[in-house]
Amino acid sequence: MTFYQDERKGKDGRRVDVVPERLLSLMDKAKAYPLFAENRPDALAGVLHATPGITNYYDGFTVRIRDVWHFEQDDTLIFRVGLENT
């Protein structure tokens, strides 16, 4: 995984910054995704969800990608992974 500073532009051409508070908000929304989907589907506009179920085996541990959410407006991905010490 590589992190870098990007001069991203939003749909209106202005610079887009995703600050820690916004990331925490997106993580909370991802955790509550089933509740939103059932009771407030309109609150999920621009949110894509996938359950790939991918498992990667490493020496001494296993990583399972359980869920991925893409928040289009923020151009941000949130992953829910499971780590298992073998």
PDB file of N, CA and C in Angstrom:
ATOM      1  N   MET A   1       0.852  -1.155   0.000  1.00  0.00           N
ATOM      2  CA  MET A   1       0.000   0.000   0.000  1.00  0.00           C
ATOM      3  C   MET A   1       0.900   1.219   0.000  1.00  0.00           C
ATOM      4  N   THR A   2       0.547   2.195  -0.795  1.00  0.00           N
ATOM      5  CA  THR A   2       1.336   3.420  -0.894  1.00  0.00           C
ATOM      6  C   THR A   2       0.450   4.615  -0.589  1.00  0.00           C
ATOM      7  N   PHE A   3       0.949   5.495   0.259  1.00  0.00           N
ATOM      8  CA  PHE A   3       0.237   6.727   0.577  1.00  0.00           C
ATOM      9  C   PHE A   3       1.012   7.890  -0.016  1.00  0.00           C
ATOM     10  N   TYR A   4       0.311   8.803  -0.635  1.00  0.00           N
ATOM     11  CA  TYR A   4       0.963   9.981  -1.201  1.00  0.00           C
ATOM     12  C   TYR A   4      -0.020  11.141  -1.202  1.00  0.00           C
ATOM     13  N   GLN A   5       0.529  12.352  -1.219  1.00  0.00           N
ATOM     14  CA  GLN A   5      -0.301  13.548  -1.280  1.00  0.00           C
ATOM     15  C   GLN A   5      -0.697  13.766  -2.732  1.00  0.00           C
ATOM     16  N   ASP A   6      -1.956  13.950  -2.962  1.00  0.00           N
ATOM     17  CA  ASP A   6      -2.470  14.103  -4.317  1.00  0.00           C
ATOM     18  C   ASP A   6      -3.216  15.424  -4.415  1.00  0.00           C
ATOM     19  N   GLU A   7      -3.049  16.095  -5.512  1.00  0.00           N
ATOM     20  CA  GLU A   7      -3.785  17.332  -5.769  1.00  0.00           C
ATOM     21  C   GLU A   7      -5.096  16.985  -6.459  1.00  0.00           C
ATOM     22  N   ARG A   8      -5.984  16.291  -5.755  1.00  0.00           N
ATOM     23  CA  ARG A   8      -7.246  15.856  -6.345  1.00  0.00           C
ATOM     24  C   ARG A   8      -8.199  17.019  -6.483  1.00  0.00           C
ATOM     25  N   LYS A   9      -9.003  16.943  -7.500  1.00  0.00           N
ATOM     26  CA  LYS A   9     -10.017  17.963  -7.747  1.00  0.00           C
ATOM     27  C   LYS A   9     -11.394  17.312  -7.685  1.00  0.00           C
ATOM     28  N   GLY A  10     -12.326  18.001  -7.053  1.00  0.00           N
ATOM     29  CA  GLY A  10     -13.696  17.526  -7.002  1.00  0.00           C
ATOM     30  C   GLY A  10     -14.420  17.812  -8.315  1.00  0.00           C
ATOM     31  N   LYS A  11     -15.690  17.486  -8.355  1.00  0.00           N
ATOM     32  CA  LYS A  11     -16.483  17.688  -9.569  1.00  0.00           C
ATOM     33  C   LYS A  11     -16.570  19.158  -9.969  1.00  0.00           C
ATOM     34  N   ASP A  12     -16.476  20.055  -8.978  1.00  0.00           N
ATOM     35  CA  ASP A  12     -16.549  21.481  -9.280  1.00  0.00           C
ATOM     36  C   ASP A  12     -15.171  22.094  -9.536  1.00  0.00           C
ATOM     37  N   GLY A  13     -14.114  21.297  -9.565  1.00  0.00           N
ATOM     38  CA  GLY A  13     -12.770  21.774  -9.861  1.00  0.00           C
ATOM     39  C   GLY A  13     -11.978  22.239  -8.654  1.00  0.00           C
ATOM     40  N   ARG A  14     -12.610  22.257  -7.472  1.00  0.00           N
ATOM     41  CA  ARG A  14     -11.893  22.669  -6.268  1.00  0.00           C
ATOM     42  C   ARG A  14     -11.109  21.502  -5.695  1.00  0.00           C
ATOM     43  N   ARG A  15     -10.050  21.815  -4.945  1.00  0.00           N
ATOM     44  CA  ARG A  15      -9.231  20.801  -4.295  1.00  0.00           C
ATOM     45  C   ARG A  15     -10.069  20.051  -3.258  1.00  0.00           C
ATOM     46  N   VAL A  16      -9.871  18.744  -3.162  1.00  0.00           N
ATOM     47  CA  VAL A  16     -10.608  17.900  -2.230  1.00  0.00           C
ATOM     48  C   VAL A  16      -9.644  17.383  -1.167  1.00  0.00           C
ATOM     49  N   ASP A  17      -9.947  17.620   0.096  1.00  0.00           N
ATOM     50  CA  ASP A  17      -9.159  17.093   1.207  1.00  0.00           C
ATOM     51  C   ASP A  17     -10.041  16.170   2.030  1.00  0.00           C
ATOM     52  N   VAL A  18      -9.529  15.010   2.340  1.00  0.00           N
ATOM     53  CA  VAL A  18     -10.241  14.099   3.234  1.00  0.00           C
ATOM     54  C   VAL A  18      -9.492  14.151   4.562  1.00  0.00           C
ATOM     55  N   VAL A  19     -10.073  14.831   5.523  1.00  0.00           N
ATOM     56  CA  VAL A  19      -9.444  15.030   6.825  1.00  0.00           C
ATOM     57  C   VAL A  19      -9.804  13.865   7.752  1.00  0.00           C
ATOM     58  N   PRO A  20      -9.031  13.668   8.826  1.00  0.00           N
ATOM     59  CA  PRO A  20      -9.300  12.532   9.731  1.00  0.00           C
ATOM     60  C   PRO A  20     -10.736  12.474  10.234  1.00  0.00           C
ATOM     61  N   GLU A  21     -11.326  13.620  10.533  1.00  0.00           N
ATOM     62  CA  GLU A  21     -12.705  13.621  11.023  1.00  0.00           C
ATOM     63  C   GLU A  21     -13.653  13.060   9.972  1.00  0.00           C
ATOM     64  N   ARG A  22     -13.402  13.386   8.705  1.00  0.00           N
ATOM     65  CA  ARG A  22     -14.245  12.867   7.617  1.00  0.00           C
ATOM     66  C   ARG A  22     -14.043  11.366   7.467  1.00  0.00           C
ATOM     67  N   LEU A  23     -12.816  10.895   7.591  1.00  0.00           N
ATOM     68  CA  LEU A  23     -12.553   9.457   7.499  1.00  0.00           C
ATOM     69  C   LEU A  23     -13.265   8.696   8.612  1.00  0.00           C
ATOM     70  N   LEU A  24     -13.240   9.245   9.824  1.00  0.00           N
ATOM     71  CA  LEU A  24     -13.969   8.607  10.928  1.00  0.00           C
ATOM     72  C   LEU A  24     -15.461   8.566  10.641  1.00  0.00           C
ATOM     73  N   SER A  25     -15.992   9.622  10.073  1.00  0.00           N
ATOM     74  CA  SER A  25     -17.406   9.668   9.715  1.00  0.00           C
ATOM     75  C   SER A  25     -17.734   8.598   8.671  1.00  0.00           C
ATOM     76  N   LEU A  26     -16.862   8.452   7.669  1.00  0.00           N
ATOM     77  CA  LEU A  26     -17.088   7.432   6.641  1.00  0.00           C
ATOM     78  C   LEU A  26     -16.993   6.021   7.231  1.00  0.00           C
ATOM     79  N   MET A  27     -16.070   5.820   8.161  1.00  0.00           N
ATOM     80  CA  MET A  27     -15.962   4.504   8.813  1.00  0.00           C
ATOM     81  C   MET A  27     -17.222   4.193   9.607  1.00  0.00           C
ATOM     82  N   ASP A  28     -17.761   5.187  10.309  1.00  0.00           N
ATOM     83  CA  ASP A  28     -19.013   4.984  11.047  1.00  0.00           C
ATOM     84  C   ASP A  28     -20.156   4.646  10.099  1.00  0.00           C
ATOM     85  N   LYS A  29     -20.200   5.327   8.968  1.00  0.00           N
ATOM     86  CA  LYS A  29     -21.257   5.060   7.987  1.00  0.00           C
ATOM     87  C   LYS A  29     -21.110   3.646   7.418  1.00  0.00           C
ATOM     88  N   ALA A  30     -19.869   3.210   7.181  1.00  0.00           N
ATOM     89  CA  ALA A  30     -19.637   1.851   6.679  1.00  0.00           C
ATOM     90  C   ALA A  30     -20.080   0.810   7.710  1.00  0.00           C
ATOM     91  N   LYS A  31     -19.775   1.055   8.989  1.00  0.00           N
ATOM     92  CA  LYS A  31     -20.184   0.112  10.033  1.00  0.00           C
ATOM     93  C   LYS A  31     -21.697   0.017  10.148  1.00  0.00           C
ATOM     94  N   ALA A  32     -22.378   1.145   9.907  1.00  0.00           N
ATOM     95  CA  ALA A  32     -23.834   1.176  10.016  1.00  0.00           C
ATOM     96  C   ALA A  32     -24.517   0.890   8.682  1.00  0.00           C
ATOM     97  N   TYR A  33     -23.770   0.452   7.681  1.00  0.00           N
ATOM     98  CA  TYR A  33     -24.305   0.243   6.337  1.00  0.00           C
ATOM     99  C   TYR A  33     -25.574  -0.620   6.327  1.00  0.00           C
ATOM    100  N   PRO A  34     -25.609  -1.762   7.038  1.00  0.00           N
ATOM    101  CA  PRO A  34     -26.837  -2.577   7.011  1.00  0.00           C
ATOM    102  C   PRO A  34     -28.063  -1.826   7.529  1.00  0.00           C
ATOM    103  N   LEU A  35     -27.888  -0.992   8.559  1.00  0.00           N
ATOM    104  CA  LEU A  35     -29.013  -0.217   9.093  1.00  0.00           C
ATOM    105  C   LEU A  35     -29.469   0.832   8.090  1.00  0.00           C
ATOM    106  N   PHE A  36     -28.510   1.523   7.466  1.00  0.00           N
ATOM    107  CA  PHE A  36     -28.867   2.510   6.444  1.00  0.00           C
ATOM    108  C   PHE A  36     -29.574   1.835   5.273  1.00  0.00           C
ATOM    109  N   ALA A  37     -29.066   0.687   4.837  1.00  0.00           N
ATOM    110  CA  ALA A  37     -29.644  -0.014   3.686  1.00  0.00           C
ATOM    111  C   ALA A  37     -31.093  -0.409   3.960  1.00  0.00           C
ATOM    112  N   GLU A  38     -31.375  -0.782   5.198  1.00  0.00           N
ATOM    113  CA  GLU A  38     -32.722  -1.224   5.545  1.00  0.00           C
ATOM    114  C   GLU A  38     -33.675  -0.062   5.801  1.00  0.00           C
ATOM    115  N   ASN A  39     -33.186   0.967   6.507  1.00  0.00           N
ATOM    116  CA  ASN A  39     -34.082   2.026   6.966  1.00  0.00           C
ATOM    117  C   ASN A  39     -33.959   3.354   6.223  1.00  0.00           C
ATOM    118  N   ARG A  40     -32.792   3.666   5.695  1.00  0.00           N
ATOM    119  CA  ARG A  40     -32.566   4.961   5.037  1.00  0.00           C
ATOM    120  C   ARG A  40     -31.716   4.782   3.782  1.00  0.00           C
ATOM    121  N   PRO A  41     -32.181   4.037   2.795  1.00  0.00           N
ATOM    122  CA  PRO A  41     -31.359   3.804   1.602  1.00  0.00           C
ATOM    123  C   PRO A  41     -30.961   5.083   0.877  1.00  0.00           C
ATOM    124  N   ASP A  42     -31.736   6.153   1.035  1.00  0.00           N
ATOM    125  CA  ASP A  42     -31.379   7.427   0.408  1.00  0.00           C
ATOM    126  C   ASP A  42     -30.077   7.995   0.975  1.00  0.00           C
ATOM    127  N   ALA A  43     -29.724   7.632   2.211  1.00  0.00           N
ATOM    128  CA  ALA A  43     -28.489   8.105   2.834  1.00  0.00           C
ATOM    129  C   ALA A  43     -27.259   7.439   2.225  1.00  0.00           C
ATOM    130  N   LEU A  44     -27.467   6.421   1.396  1.00  0.00           N
ATOM    131  CA  LEU A  44     -26.349   5.699   0.796  1.00  0.00           C
ATOM    132  C   LEU A  44     -26.101   6.090  -0.656  1.00  0.00           C
ATOM    133  N   ALA A  45     -26.649   7.211  -1.081  1.00  0.00           N
ATOM    134  CA  ALA A  45     -26.406   7.674  -2.456  1.00  0.00           C
ATOM    135  C   ALA A  45     -24.912   7.903  -2.641  1.00  0.00           C
ATOM    136  N   GLY A  46     -24.350   7.351  -3.692  1.00  0.00           N
ATOM    137  CA  GLY A  46     -22.929   7.499  -3.967  1.00  0.00           C
ATOM    138  C   GLY A  46     -22.037   6.549  -3.195  1.00  0.00           C
ATOM    139  N   VAL A  47     -22.649   5.543  -2.528  1.00  0.00           N
ATOM    140  CA  VAL A  47     -21.869   4.555  -1.784  1.00  0.00           C
ATOM    141  C   VAL A  47     -22.043   3.200  -2.461  1.00  0.00           C
ATOM    142  N   LEU A  48     -20.939   2.600  -2.834  1.00  0.00           N
ATOM    143  CA  LEU A  48     -20.964   1.252  -3.409  1.00  0.00           C
ATOM    144  C   LEU A  48     -20.412   0.281  -2.382  1.00  0.00           C
ATOM    145  N   HIS A  49     -21.001  -0.907  -2.312  1.00  0.00           N
ATOM    146  CA  HIS A  49     -20.589  -1.913  -1.330  1.00  0.00           C
ATOM    147  C   HIS A  49     -20.353  -3.237  -2.032  1.00  0.00           C
ATOM    148  N   ALA A  50     -19.281  -3.912  -1.640  1.00  0.00           N
ATOM    149  CA  ALA A  50     -18.975  -5.237  -2.183  1.00  0.00           C
ATOM    150  C   ALA A  50     -18.495  -6.137  -1.050  1.00  0.00           C
ATOM    151  N   THR A  51     -18.806  -7.426  -1.173  1.00  0.00           N
ATOM    152  CA  THR A  51     -18.330  -8.427  -0.211  1.00  0.00           C
ATOM    153  C   THR A  51     -17.506  -9.457  -0.982  1.00  0.00           C
ATOM    154  N   PRO A  52     -16.238  -9.150  -1.259  1.00  0.00           N
ATOM    155  CA  PRO A  52     -15.446 -10.022  -2.125  1.00  0.00           C
ATOM    156  C   PRO A  52     -15.107 -11.369  -1.508  1.00  0.00           C
ATOM    157  N   GLY A  53     -14.981 -11.450  -0.191  1.00  0.00           N
ATOM    158  CA  GLY A  53     -14.653 -12.724   0.442  1.00  0.00           C
ATOM    159  C   GLY A  53     -13.296 -13.273   0.028  1.00  0.00           C
ATOM    160  N   ILE A  54     -12.357 -12.400  -0.272  1.00  0.00           N
ATOM    161  CA  ILE A  54     -11.026 -12.825  -0.698  1.00  0.00           C
ATOM    162  C   ILE A  54     -10.205 -13.216   0.522  1.00  0.00           C
ATOM    163  N   THR A  55      -9.511 -14.342   0.430  1.00  0.00           N
ATOM    164  CA  THR A  55      -8.640 -14.801   1.504  1.00  0.00           C
ATOM    165  C   THR A  55      -7.214 -14.891   0.987  1.00  0.00           C
ATOM    166  N   ASN A  56      -6.285 -14.287   1.733  1.00  0.00           N
ATOM    167  CA  ASN A  56      -4.865 -14.343   1.407  1.00  0.00           C
ATOM    168  C   ASN A  56      -4.143 -15.042   2.551  1.00  0.00           C
ATOM    169  N   TYR A  57      -3.360 -16.040   2.208  1.00  0.00           N
ATOM    170  CA  TYR A  57      -2.630 -16.821   3.198  1.00  0.00           C
ATOM    171  C   TYR A  57      -1.167 -16.388   3.224  1.00  0.00           C
ATOM    172  N   TYR A  58      -0.667 -16.119   4.406  1.00  0.00           N
ATOM    173  CA  TYR A  58       0.718 -15.722   4.600  1.00  0.00           C
ATOM    174  C   TYR A  58       1.337 -16.638   5.640  1.00  0.00           C
ATOM    175  N   ASP A  59       2.632 -16.541   5.799  1.00  0.00           N
ATOM    176  CA  ASP A  59       3.340 -17.362   6.783  1.00  0.00           C
ATOM    177  C   ASP A  59       2.984 -16.882   8.186  1.00  0.00           C
ATOM    178  N   GLY A  60       2.134 -17.612   8.873  1.00  0.00           N
ATOM    179  CA  GLY A  60       1.768 -17.285  10.236  1.00  0.00           C
ATOM    180  C   GLY A  60       0.464 -16.541  10.411  1.00  0.00           C
ATOM    181  N   PHE A  61      -0.157 -16.080   9.332  1.00  0.00           N
ATOM    182  CA  PHE A  61      -1.437 -15.386   9.474  1.00  0.00           C
ATOM    183  C   PHE A  61      -2.217 -15.427   8.165  1.00  0.00           C
ATOM    184  N   THR A  62      -3.515 -15.168   8.291  1.00  0.00           N
ATOM    185  CA  THR A  62      -4.429 -15.144   7.156  1.00  0.00           C
ATOM    186  C   THR A  62      -5.168 -13.806   7.159  1.00  0.00           C
ATOM    187  N   VAL A  63      -5.377 -13.245   5.979  1.00  0.00           N
ATOM    188  CA  VAL A  63      -6.109 -11.990   5.837  1.00  0.00           C
ATOM    189  C   VAL A  63      -7.339 -12.254   4.980  1.00  0.00           C
ATOM    190  N   ARG A  64      -8.509 -11.877   5.507  1.00  0.00           N
ATOM    191  CA  ARG A  64      -9.763 -12.013   4.754  1.00  0.00           C
ATOM    192  C   ARG A  64     -10.356 -10.636   4.521  1.00  0.00           C
ATOM    193  N   ILE A  65     -10.592 -10.302   3.254  1.00  0.00           N
ATOM    194  CA  ILE A  65     -11.256  -9.044   2.930  1.00  0.00           C
ATOM    195  C   ILE A  65     -12.749  -9.333   2.946  1.00  0.00           C
ATOM    196  N   ARG A  66     -13.419  -8.833   3.965  1.00  0.00           N
ATOM    197  CA  ARG A  66     -14.832  -9.144   4.171  1.00  0.00           C
ATOM    198  C   ARG A  66     -15.757  -8.167   3.441  1.00  0.00           C
ATOM    199  N   ASP A  67     -15.487  -6.879   3.536  1.00  0.00           N
ATOM    200  CA  ASP A  67     -16.327  -5.860   2.913  1.00  0.00           C
ATOM    201  C   ASP A  67     -15.454  -4.733   2.378  1.00  0.00           C
ATOM    202  N   VAL A  68     -15.948  -4.096   1.333  1.00  0.00           N
ATOM    203  CA  VAL A  68     -15.317  -2.891   0.787  1.00  0.00           C
ATOM    204  C   VAL A  68     -16.430  -1.900   0.466  1.00  0.00           C
ATOM    205  N   TRP A  69     -16.241  -0.653   0.916  1.00  0.00           N
ATOM    206  CA  TRP A  69     -17.172   0.421   0.600  1.00  0.00           C
ATOM    207  C   TRP A  69     -16.426   1.488  -0.176  1.00  0.00           C
ATOM    208  N   HIS A  70     -17.041   1.987  -1.233  1.00  0.00           N
ATOM    209  CA  HIS A  70     -16.474   3.098  -1.994  1.00  0.00           C
ATOM    210  C   HIS A  70     -17.395   4.296  -1.832  1.00  0.00           C
ATOM    211  N   PHE A  71     -16.847   5.371  -1.301  1.00  0.00           N
ATOM    212  CA  PHE A  71     -17.592   6.611  -1.126  1.00  0.00           C
ATOM    213  C   PHE A  71     -17.189   7.530  -2.267  1.00  0.00           C
ATOM    214  N   GLU A  72     -18.064   7.593  -3.258  1.00  0.00           N
ATOM    215  CA  GLU A  72     -17.754   8.283  -4.506  1.00  0.00           C
ATOM    216  C   GLU A  72     -17.417   9.752  -4.304  1.00  0.00           C
ATOM    217  N   GLN A  73     -18.191  10.456  -3.520  1.00  0.00           N
ATOM    218  CA  GLN A  73     -17.982  11.891  -3.333  1.00  0.00           C
ATOM    219  C   GLN A  73     -16.597  12.190  -2.768  1.00  0.00           C
ATOM    220  N   ASP A  74     -16.107  11.321  -1.874  1.00  0.00           N
ATOM    221  CA  ASP A  74     -14.807  11.531  -1.240  1.00  0.00           C
ATOM    222  C   ASP A  74     -13.690  10.748  -1.930  1.00  0.00           C
ATOM    223  N   ASP A  75     -14.042   9.953  -2.939  1.00  0.00           N
ATOM    224  CA  ASP A  75     -13.076   9.100  -3.631  1.00  0.00           C
ATOM    225  C   ASP A  75     -12.260   8.302  -2.612  1.00  0.00           C
ATOM    226  N   THR A  76     -12.984   7.614  -1.719  1.00  0.00           N
ATOM    227  CA  THR A  76     -12.365   6.922  -0.595  1.00  0.00           C
ATOM    228  C   THR A  76     -12.888   5.497  -0.493  1.00  0.00           C
ATOM    229  N   LEU A  77     -11.985   4.572  -0.177  1.00  0.00           N
ATOM    230  CA  LEU A  77     -12.347   3.181   0.066  1.00  0.00           C
ATOM    231  C   LEU A  77     -12.191   2.871   1.549  1.00  0.00           C
ATOM    232  N   ILE A  78     -13.148   2.141   2.101  1.00  0.00           N
ATOM    233  CA  ILE A  78     -13.078   1.631   3.470  1.00  0.00           C
ATOM    234  C   ILE A  78     -13.118   0.114   3.365  1.00  0.00           C
ATOM    235  N   PHE A  79     -12.170  -0.557   4.005  1.00  0.00           N
ATOM    236  CA  PHE A  79     -12.096  -2.018   3.996  1.00  0.00           C
ATOM    237  C   PHE A  79     -12.421  -2.562   5.382  1.00  0.00           C
ATOM    238  N   ARG A  80     -13.138  -3.674   5.415  1.00  0.00           N
ATOM    239  CA  ARG A  80     -13.299  -4.451   6.654  1.00  0.00           C
ATOM    240  C   ARG A  80     -12.574  -5.755   6.416  1.00  0.00           C
ATOM    241  N   VAL A  81     -11.509  -5.976   7.167  1.00  0.00           N
ATOM    242  CA  VAL A  81     -10.695  -7.175   6.990  1.00  0.00           C
ATOM    243  C   VAL A  81     -10.676  -7.971   8.280  1.00  0.00           C
ATOM    244  N   GLY A  82     -10.449  -9.251   8.133  1.00  0.00           N
ATOM    245  CA  GLY A  82     -10.265 -10.126   9.281  1.00  0.00           C
ATOM    246  C   GLY A  82      -8.856 -10.666   9.257  1.00  0.00           C
ATOM    247  N   LEU A  83      -8.170 -10.597  10.394  1.00  0.00           N
ATOM    248  CA  LEU A  83      -6.816 -11.125  10.514  1.00  0.00           C
ATOM    249  C   LEU A  83      -6.855 -12.322  11.462  1.00  0.00           C
ATOM    250  N   GLU A  84      -6.255 -13.409  11.026  1.00  0.00           N
ATOM    251  CA  GLU A  84      -6.239 -14.622  11.846  1.00  0.00           C
ATOM    252  C   GLU A  84      -4.806 -15.076  12.023  1.00  0.00           C
ATOM    253  N   ASN A  85      -4.388 -15.181  13.265  1.00  0.00           N
ATOM    254  CA  ASN A  85      -3.053 -15.691  13.585  1.00  0.00           C
ATOM    255  C   ASN A  85      -3.108 -17.213  13.539  1.00  0.00           C
ATOM    256  N   THR A  86      -2.400 -17.813  12.580  1.00  0.00           N
ATOM    257  CA  THR A  86      -2.427 -19.264  12.446  1.00  0.00           C
ATOM    258  C   THR A  86      -1.334 -19.901  13.257  1.00  0.00           C
TER     259      THR A  86
END
